[in-house]
Amino acid sequence: IRAVRVGGRDLWHLIVLPDGRHAVTGGATGRLTQYDLEGGQEVAAVDAHGGRVKGVAAHPDGRRVASVGEDSRVCLWEFAGSASPDVSRFLSA
């Protein structure tokens, strides 16, 4: 078991990706952050939403992460191998 310091008081959501080696968090600031659980380091981050992140889910391939925010947007992010994830699609209500 390894302890990894993630986020802070603003942390609302945490998911472990299917590879078991990475996690993604979302919180009150609208930021999504990916962590390497083995090394305990932040590996990627993006200011995803204008308001808090209300939900996060991973695609089974572990490369894509969906997020929904208080800004009424649903975004699909490409996290694999990038320090600055790209939004590949987003929907607005």
Protein backbone atom coordinates (compact mmCIF):
# COMPACT_ATOMS: atom_id res chain seq x y z
CA ILE A 1 0.00 0.00 0.00
CA ARG A 2 1.31 3.42 -0.94
CA ALA A 3 0.11 6.84 0.16
CA VAL A 4 0.01 9.51 -2.53
CA ARG A 5 -0.73 13.12 -1.67
CA VAL A 6 -3.41 14.36 -4.04
CA GLY A 7 -5.33 17.58 -4.25
CA GLY A 8 -6.33 19.15 -1.02
CA ARG A 9 -9.50 20.41 0.52
CA ASP A 10 -11.04 20.87 -2.93
CA LEU A 11 -10.87 17.16 -3.90
CA TRP A 12 -14.33 15.81 -4.80
CA HIS A 13 -13.69 12.84 -7.11
CA LEU A 14 -10.96 10.23 -7.49
CA ILE A 15 -10.88 7.32 -9.93
CA VAL A 16 -8.18 4.72 -10.47
CA LEU A 17 -7.62 4.05 -14.16
CA PRO A 18 -7.95 0.48 -15.48
CA ASP A 19 -4.15 0.00 -15.58
CA GLY A 20 -4.10 0.30 -11.76
CA ARG A 21 -1.05 2.58 -12.01
CA HIS A 22 -2.75 5.94 -12.53
CA ALA A 23 -5.54 7.93 -10.90
CA VAL A 24 -7.45 11.04 -11.93
CA THR A 25 -8.93 13.54 -9.50
CA GLY A 26 -11.42 16.37 -9.94
CA GLY A 27 -12.53 18.99 -7.49
CA ALA A 28 -13.96 22.35 -6.58
CA THR A 29 -11.55 24.32 -8.77
CA GLY A 30 -12.64 22.58 -12.01
CA ARG A 31 -9.18 21.06 -12.45
CA LEU A 32 -8.55 17.42 -13.46
CA THR A 33 -5.22 15.96 -12.37
CA GLN A 34 -3.66 12.62 -13.30
CA TYR A 35 -1.26 10.92 -10.86
CA ASP A 36 1.24 8.11 -11.26
CA LEU A 37 0.40 5.93 -8.26
CA GLU A 38 3.68 4.01 -8.38
CA GLY A 39 5.89 7.09 -8.32
CA GLY A 40 3.47 9.28 -6.40
CA GLN A 41 3.84 12.13 -8.88
CA GLU A 42 1.41 14.38 -10.75
CA VAL A 43 1.84 13.61 -14.45
CA ALA A 44 -0.84 15.72 -16.13
CA ALA A 45 -3.36 18.42 -15.31
CA VAL A 46 -5.92 20.52 -17.10
CA ASP A 47 -8.33 23.28 -16.06
CA ALA A 48 -11.33 21.33 -17.28
CA HIS A 49 -14.40 23.22 -16.08
CA GLY A 50 -15.57 26.67 -15.05
CA GLY A 51 -16.77 25.53 -11.64
CA ARG A 52 -16.44 22.32 -9.68
CA VAL A 53 -16.09 18.91 -11.27
CA LYS A 54 -19.30 16.97 -10.59
CA GLY A 55 -18.20 13.59 -11.95
CA VAL A 56 -15.30 11.69 -13.53
CA ALA A 57 -15.28 8.33 -15.35
CA ALA A 58 -12.63 6.40 -17.26
CA HIS A 59 -12.99 4.56 -20.55
CA PRO A 60 -12.00 0.88 -20.20
CA ASP A 61 -8.88 1.51 -22.34
CA GLY A 62 -7.65 3.98 -19.69
CA ARG A 63 -6.61 6.57 -22.27
CA ARG A 64 -9.77 8.66 -22.12
CA VAL A 65 -11.49 10.26 -19.17
CA ALA A 66 -14.94 11.84 -19.21
CA SER A 67 -15.77 14.69 -16.87
CA VAL A 68 -18.89 16.67 -16.13
CA GLY A 69 -18.78 20.06 -14.47
CA GLU A 70 -20.91 22.64 -12.79
CA ASP A 71 -20.54 24.62 -16.04
CA SER A 72 -22.97 22.13 -17.70
CA ARG A 73 -20.25 20.72 -19.97
CA VAL A 74 -19.44 17.06 -20.48
CA CYS A 75 -15.88 16.62 -21.76
CA LEU A 76 -13.92 13.66 -23.08
CA TRP A 77 -10.17 14.03 -22.42
CA GLU A 78 -7.19 12.24 -23.96
CA PHE A 79 -4.77 11.74 -21.06
CA ALA A 80 -2.38 9.11 -22.42
CA GLY A 81 1.21 10.30 -22.67
CA SER A 82 0.47 14.00 -22.35
CA ALA A 83 1.33 16.47 -19.61
CA SER A 84 -1.44 18.71 -20.96
CA PRO A 85 -4.49 16.58 -21.85
CA ASP A 86 -6.50 17.57 -24.90
CA VAL A 87 -10.25 17.76 -24.95
CA SER A 88 -11.36 15.54 -27.80
CA ARG A 89 -15.08 16.29 -27.47
CA PHE A 90 -17.34 18.37 -25.33
CA LEU A 91 -21.05 18.87 -25.01
CA SER A 92 -22.79 21.88 -23.52
CA ALA A 93 -26.28 21.93 -22.11
